[in-house]
Amino acid sequence: MRIATWNLEGKWTPRHHWLVRSLQADLLLLTEVVESVNVSGLSIHFTEAEMQPGRRWAAVAANARLRPLPDPHGVTALAEVDGLRIASSILPWRNSGGAPPWTGEDQGSRTAAAVAAIETAAPIVWGGDWNHELTGRLYAGSRDFGRRSSGHSTGWASALRQTPRPTA
């Protein structure tokens, strides 16, 4: 099974679609997903909650039968694919604050609360935008698509710029 994850940063164009299709992924774990995302040949399930109007926290897409399940936490899409529970999440970032969907005093306690809720759903595959460095410097924030601040990786943006433009 080929699994891919991508923080779409609320963007979706024909070039995004082309790149996602070129991955030939069986399963996509997407975050910051605009509601207009539609990948031919894949079923998609979005979180119920919105980050902002028209943008969902996360989504699970699959090329197999997908059965949406209730979100275990406001930032996590959960679905059953071929009998397996699949989750896609965003975890809190350092300055995410304590407003819903987050609970807790700081990033650690907000993360612990979200993870505890997600663990109760028992996903077999869980991925997404976890906003945590296990070691080293914290890299966060973006100024514009493909131009990241703080030295953040630009791998996806670079790949997207290099993809051929889709033809009609």
Protein backbone atom coordinates (compact mmCIF):
# COMPACT_ATOMS: atom_id res chain seq x y z
CA MET A 1 0.00 0.00 0.00
CA ARG A 2 1.34 3.42 -0.97
CA ILE A 3 0.50 6.16 1.56
CA ALA A 4 1.12 9.90 1.09
CA THR A 5 0.53 12.87 3.38
CA TRP A 6 0.44 16.56 2.45
CA ASN A 7 -0.46 19.81 4.19
CA LEU A 8 -2.24 21.60 1.34
CA GLU A 9 -2.18 24.97 3.16
CA GLY A 10 -5.71 25.62 1.93
CA LYS A 11 -4.72 25.54 -1.75
CA TRP A 12 -5.95 23.36 -4.63
CA THR A 13 -5.22 23.86 -8.32
CA PRO A 14 -5.04 21.60 -11.38
CA ARG A 15 -1.30 21.29 -10.70
CA HIS A 16 -1.98 20.03 -7.15
CA HIS A 17 -4.39 17.50 -8.62
CA TRP A 18 -1.85 16.38 -11.22
CA LEU A 19 0.88 15.94 -8.59
CA VAL A 20 -1.40 14.00 -6.23
CA ARG A 21 -2.51 11.69 -9.06
CA SER A 22 1.12 11.19 -10.14
CA LEU A 23 1.92 9.77 -6.68
CA GLN A 24 -0.36 6.80 -7.39
CA ALA A 25 -1.13 6.64 -3.68
CA ASP A 26 -3.66 4.17 -2.37
CA LEU A 27 -4.23 6.38 0.65
CA LEU A 28 -3.86 10.14 1.14
CA LEU A 29 -3.70 11.83 4.53
CA LEU A 30 -4.36 15.50 3.85
CA THR A 31 -4.39 18.54 6.13
CA GLU A 32 -5.60 22.14 5.71
CA VAL A 33 -7.90 20.91 2.95
CA VAL A 34 -10.18 23.17 0.94
CA GLU A 35 -13.61 21.67 0.45
CA SER A 36 -13.22 21.79 -3.35
CA VAL A 37 -10.53 19.08 -3.30
CA ASN A 38 -11.60 16.25 -5.56
CA VAL A 39 -9.17 13.59 -6.73
CA SER A 40 -10.46 11.44 -9.56
CA GLY A 41 -10.63 7.78 -8.58
CA LEU A 42 -10.44 8.48 -4.83
CA SER A 43 -13.16 8.69 -2.20
CA ILE A 44 -12.58 11.45 0.35
CA HIS A 45 -13.78 12.12 3.90
CA PHE A 46 -13.23 15.52 5.55
CA THR A 47 -13.35 16.55 9.20
CA GLU A 48 -16.71 17.92 10.22
CA ALA A 49 -15.11 21.04 11.72
CA GLU A 50 -13.64 23.85 9.64
CA MET A 51 -10.35 25.64 10.34
CA GLN A 52 -11.92 28.62 8.63
CA PRO A 53 -14.75 28.95 6.11
CA GLY A 54 -14.23 26.51 3.25
CA ARG A 55 -11.15 24.85 4.78
CA ARG A 56 -11.29 21.60 6.76
CA TRP A 57 -8.67 20.53 9.28
CA ALA A 58 -7.97 17.17 7.67
CA ALA A 59 -9.16 14.53 5.22
CA VAL A 60 -8.63 10.87 4.38
CA ALA A 61 -8.79 9.84 0.71
CA ALA A 62 -8.55 6.30 -0.61
CA ASN A 63 -8.79 4.37 -3.87
CA ALA A 64 -10.69 1.61 -2.02
CA ARG A 65 -14.07 1.56 -0.35
CA LEU A 66 -14.04 4.26 2.33
CA ARG A 67 -16.53 4.43 5.19
CA PRO A 68 -16.52 7.75 7.10
CA LEU A 69 -16.41 7.46 10.89
CA PRO A 70 -17.07 10.17 13.50
CA ASP A 71 -14.15 12.52 14.12
CA PRO A 72 -12.43 11.41 17.35
CA HIS A 73 -11.19 15.00 17.78
CA GLY A 74 -12.14 18.15 15.89
CA VAL A 75 -8.88 18.16 13.93
CA THR A 76 -8.91 14.48 12.93
CA ALA A 77 -10.67 12.81 10.01
CA LEU A 78 -11.30 9.11 10.64
CA ALA A 79 -12.42 6.55 8.08
CA GLU A 80 -12.45 2.81 7.60
CA VAL A 81 -10.69 1.61 4.45
CA ASP A 82 -10.70 -2.10 3.67
CA GLY A 83 -11.52 -2.81 7.30
CA LEU A 84 -8.68 -0.64 8.68
CA ARG A 85 -9.19 2.55 10.67
CA ILE A 86 -7.28 5.42 9.06
CA ALA A 87 -6.78 8.85 10.68
CA SER A 88 -5.43 12.16 9.38
CA SER A 89 -4.75 14.91 11.93
CA ILE A 90 -3.27 18.25 12.68
CA LEU A 91 -1.70 18.47 16.13
CA PRO A 92 -1.32 21.81 17.93
CA TRP A 93 1.59 24.07 17.11
CA ARG A 94 3.44 26.17 19.67
CA ASN A 95 1.22 29.27 19.45
CA SER A 96 -2.04 27.51 18.55
CA GLY A 97 -3.77 28.86 21.67
CA GLY A 98 -6.38 27.16 23.82
CA ALA A 99 -9.52 27.98 21.82
CA PRO A 100 -11.54 25.08 20.38
CA PRO A 101 -10.74 22.55 19.13
CA TRP A 102 -7.77 22.68 21.51
CA THR A 103 -7.91 22.14 25.27
CA GLY A 104 -4.96 22.66 27.59
CA GLU A 105 -2.59 25.32 28.83
CA ASP A 106 0.32 24.82 26.44
CA GLN A 107 1.37 22.88 23.35
CA GLY A 108 2.23 19.79 25.39
CA SER A 109 -1.09 19.58 27.22
CA ARG A 110 -3.07 20.43 24.06
CA THR A 111 -1.20 17.68 22.21
CA ALA A 112 -1.78 15.18 25.03
CA ALA A 113 -5.54 15.91 24.99
CA ALA A 114 -5.78 15.53 21.20
CA VAL A 115 -3.70 12.33 21.15
CA ALA A 116 -5.77 10.80 23.96
CA ALA A 117 -8.98 11.45 21.99
CA ILE A 118 -7.47 10.03 18.79
CA GLU A 119 -6.08 6.94 20.55
CA THR A 120 -9.59 5.97 21.68
CA ALA A 121 -10.54 5.59 18.00
CA ALA A 122 -7.70 3.05 17.59
CA PRO A 123 -6.48 4.00 14.10
CA ILE A 124 -4.14 1.48 12.45
CA VAL A 125 -2.67 4.18 10.20
CA TRP A 126 -2.37 7.73 11.54
CA GLY A 127 -0.55 10.63 9.94
CA GLY A 128 -0.82 14.27 9.06
CA ASP A 129 0.68 17.56 10.20
CA TRP A 130 1.97 16.93 13.69
CA ASN A 131 3.75 20.30 14.21
CA HIS A 132 6.42 18.82 16.48
CA GLU A 133 10.16 18.48 16.26
CA LEU A 134 11.45 15.51 18.18
CA THR A 135 14.90 17.06 18.34
CA GLY A 136 16.58 20.23 17.15
CA ARG A 137 15.29 23.64 16.19
CA LEU A 138 11.59 24.45 15.79
CA TYR A 139 10.70 25.30 12.19
CA ALA A 140 7.24 26.74 11.70
CA GLY A 141 5.28 29.16 9.58
CA SER A 142 5.08 29.96 5.93
CA ARG A 143 4.98 33.24 4.06
CA ASP A 144 3.78 31.98 0.73
CA PHE A 145 3.34 28.74 -1.15
CA GLY A 146 6.78 27.44 -2.03
CA ARG A 147 8.67 30.07 -0.07
CA ARG A 148 8.95 28.95 3.54
CA SER A 149 10.23 31.02 6.41
CA SER A 150 12.65 29.80 9.09
CA GLY A 151 14.38 27.38 6.71
CA HIS A 152 11.33 25.07 6.58
CA SER A 153 11.45 22.37 3.92
CA THR A 154 10.21 23.34 0.45
CA GLY A 155 10.25 19.85 -1.02
CA TRP A 156 6.57 19.68 -2.01
CA ALA A 157 6.49 23.24 -3.28
CA SER A 158 9.60 22.61 -5.34
CA ALA A 159 8.11 19.42 -6.77
CA LEU A 160 4.91 21.25 -7.62
CA ARG A 161 6.78 24.04 -9.42
CA GLN A 162 8.65 21.43 -11.48
CA THR A 163 5.60 19.43 -12.52
CA PRO A 164 4.41 19.87 -16.07
CA ARG A 165 1.27 21.92 -16.44
CA PRO A 166 -1.75 19.68 -17.02
CA THR A 167 -3.25 19.78 -20.47
CA ALA A 168 -6.97 19.74 -21.12
